[in-house]
């Protein structure tokens, strides 16, 4: 529940994503979390996206992008730890 100057409104989360160790990638569909595949085997440090068809993740395997059809390595060279 969000309070705004005496007005209250609720916000429903319809989609969320979480990433983590060993390529973990979880998707929330508004009611349940489920594991999704395709992130590689390294730790994933962060994820950003405008929608389920425009996402970027960074981690030990480099920069990955997803256009809704699956994760692919973006081919961005990195040195050092993230």
C-alpha atoms as a PDB file:
ATOM      1  CA  UNK A   1       0.000   0.000   0.000  1.00  0.00           C
ATOM      2  CA  UNK A   2       1.369   3.434  -0.935  1.00  0.00           C
ATOM      3  CA  UNK A   3       0.343   6.473   1.071  1.00  0.00           C
ATOM      4  CA  UNK A   4       0.354   9.834  -0.694  1.00  0.00           C
ATOM      5  CA  UNK A   5      -0.908  12.822   1.281  1.00  0.00           C
ATOM      6  CA  UNK A   6      -3.796  10.970   2.879  1.00  0.00           C
ATOM      7  CA  UNK A   7      -4.624   9.022  -0.292  1.00  0.00           C
ATOM      8  CA  UNK A   8      -3.853   5.318  -0.365  1.00  0.00           C
ATOM      9  CA  UNK A   9      -3.492   3.180  -3.412  1.00  0.00           C
ATOM     10  CA  UNK A  10      -2.169  -0.301  -3.957  1.00  0.00           C
ATOM     11  CA  UNK A  11       0.292  -1.302  -6.626  1.00  0.00           C
ATOM     12  CA  UNK A  12       0.224  -4.792  -8.125  1.00  0.00           C
ATOM     13  CA  UNK A  13       3.488  -6.285  -9.300  1.00  0.00           C
ATOM     14  CA  UNK A  14       2.803  -8.230 -12.478  1.00  0.00           C
ATOM     15  CA  UNK A  15       6.344  -9.167 -13.451  1.00  0.00           C
ATOM     16  CA  UNK A  16       9.714  -9.151 -11.692  1.00  0.00           C
ATOM     17  CA  UNK A  17      13.099 -10.769 -12.199  1.00  0.00           C
ATOM     18  CA  UNK A  18      15.918 -11.772  -9.835  1.00  0.00           C
ATOM     19  CA  UNK A  19      19.445 -12.972 -10.609  1.00  0.00           C
ATOM     20  CA  UNK A  20      22.203 -14.517  -8.531  1.00  0.00           C
ATOM     21  CA  UNK A  21      24.908 -17.146  -8.115  1.00  0.00           C
ATOM     22  CA  UNK A  22      25.776 -19.737 -10.769  1.00  0.00           C
ATOM     23  CA  UNK A  23      23.598 -18.159 -13.464  1.00  0.00           C
ATOM     24  CA  UNK A  24      20.441 -18.120 -11.343  1.00  0.00           C
ATOM     25  CA  UNK A  25      17.596 -16.311 -13.098  1.00  0.00           C
ATOM     26  CA  UNK A  26      14.127 -16.224 -11.560  1.00  0.00           C
ATOM     27  CA  UNK A  27      10.930 -14.802 -13.016  1.00  0.00           C
ATOM     28  CA  UNK A  28       7.854 -13.658 -11.061  1.00  0.00           C
ATOM     29  CA  UNK A  29       4.596 -13.699 -13.036  1.00  0.00           C
ATOM     30  CA  UNK A  30       2.399 -11.901 -10.521  1.00  0.00           C
ATOM     31  CA  UNK A  31       1.685 -14.951  -8.385  1.00  0.00           C
ATOM     32  CA  UNK A  32       4.655 -17.365  -8.432  1.00  0.00           C
ATOM     33  CA  UNK A  33       8.432 -17.411  -8.885  1.00  0.00           C
ATOM     34  CA  UNK A  34       9.933 -19.855 -11.395  1.00  0.00           C
ATOM     35  CA  UNK A  35      13.453 -20.639 -12.581  1.00  0.00           C
ATOM     36  CA  UNK A  36      14.352 -19.664 -16.130  1.00  0.00           C
ATOM     37  CA  UNK A  37      17.290 -20.984 -18.139  1.00  0.00           C
ATOM     38  CA  UNK A  38      19.921 -19.501 -20.369  1.00  0.00           C
ATOM     39  CA  UNK A  39      22.019 -17.180 -18.191  1.00  0.00           C
ATOM     40  CA  UNK A  40      25.274 -19.159 -18.329  1.00  0.00           C
ATOM     41  CA  UNK A  41      27.132 -20.635 -15.366  1.00  0.00           C
ATOM     42  CA  UNK A  42      28.810 -17.586 -13.779  1.00  0.00           C
ATOM     43  CA  UNK A  43      27.365 -15.373 -11.065  1.00  0.00           C
ATOM     44  CA  UNK A  44      24.970 -12.710 -12.356  1.00  0.00           C
ATOM     45  CA  UNK A  45      25.455  -9.371 -10.587  1.00  0.00           C
ATOM     46  CA  UNK A  46      22.666  -7.151 -11.899  1.00  0.00           C
ATOM     47  CA  UNK A  47      19.719  -7.032 -14.275  1.00  0.00           C
ATOM     48  CA  UNK A  48      17.839  -4.145 -15.892  1.00  0.00           C
ATOM     49  CA  UNK A  49      14.932  -4.060 -18.278  1.00  0.00           C
ATOM     50  CA  UNK A  50      12.093  -2.020 -19.683  1.00  0.00           C
ATOM     51  CA  UNK A  51      10.001  -5.108 -20.362  1.00  0.00           C
ATOM     52  CA  UNK A  52      10.228  -8.872 -20.762  1.00  0.00           C
ATOM     53  CA  UNK A  53      11.489  -8.278 -24.310  1.00  0.00           C
ATOM     54  CA  UNK A  54      14.232  -5.734 -23.546  1.00  0.00           C
ATOM     55  CA  UNK A  55      16.603  -6.797 -20.744  1.00  0.00           C
ATOM     56  CA  UNK A  56      20.326  -6.581 -19.971  1.00  0.00           C
ATOM     57  CA  UNK A  57      22.215  -8.554 -17.327  1.00  0.00           C
ATOM     58  CA  UNK A  58      25.871  -8.368 -16.267  1.00  0.00           C
ATOM     59  CA  UNK A  59      27.963 -10.924 -14.453  1.00  0.00           C
ATOM     60  CA  UNK A  60      30.934 -13.247 -14.554  1.00  0.00           C
ATOM     61  CA  UNK A  61      30.013 -14.404 -18.095  1.00  0.00           C
ATOM     62  CA  UNK A  62      29.926 -10.811 -19.397  1.00  0.00           C
ATOM     63  CA  UNK A  63      27.036  -8.706 -20.641  1.00  0.00           C
ATOM     64  CA  UNK A  64      23.933 -10.638 -21.714  1.00  0.00           C
ATOM     65  CA  UNK A  65      20.884  -9.280 -23.566  1.00  0.00           C
ATOM     66  CA  UNK A  66      17.392 -10.700 -23.975  1.00  0.00           C
ATOM     67  CA  UNK A  67      14.883  -9.590 -26.601  1.00  0.00           C
ATOM     68  CA  UNK A  68      12.229 -12.030 -25.408  1.00  0.00           C
ATOM     69  CA  UNK A  69      13.544 -14.979 -27.393  1.00  0.00           C
ATOM     70  CA  UNK A  70      16.381 -15.877 -24.991  1.00  0.00           C
ATOM     71  CA  UNK A  71      19.622 -14.679 -23.457  1.00  0.00           C
ATOM     72  CA  UNK A  72      22.645 -14.088 -25.704  1.00  0.00           C
ATOM     73  CA  UNK A  73      26.129 -12.804 -24.955  1.00  0.00           C
ATOM     74  CA  UNK A  74      26.395  -9.189 -26.152  1.00  0.00           C
ATOM     75  CA  UNK A  75      30.076  -9.629 -27.029  1.00  0.00           C
ATOM     76  CA  UNK A  76      31.210  -6.824 -24.728  1.00  0.00           C
ATOM     77  CA  UNK A  77      34.804  -7.277 -23.536  1.00  0.00           C
ATOM     78  CA  UNK A  78      35.372  -6.814 -19.815  1.00  0.00           C
ATOM     79  CA  UNK A  79      38.418  -7.010 -17.607  1.00  0.00           C
ATOM     80  CA  UNK A  80      38.551  -7.389 -13.843  1.00  0.00           C
ATOM     81  CA  UNK A  81      35.834  -8.317 -11.419  1.00  0.00           C
ATOM     82  CA  UNK A  82      32.421  -6.726 -11.511  1.00  0.00           C
END
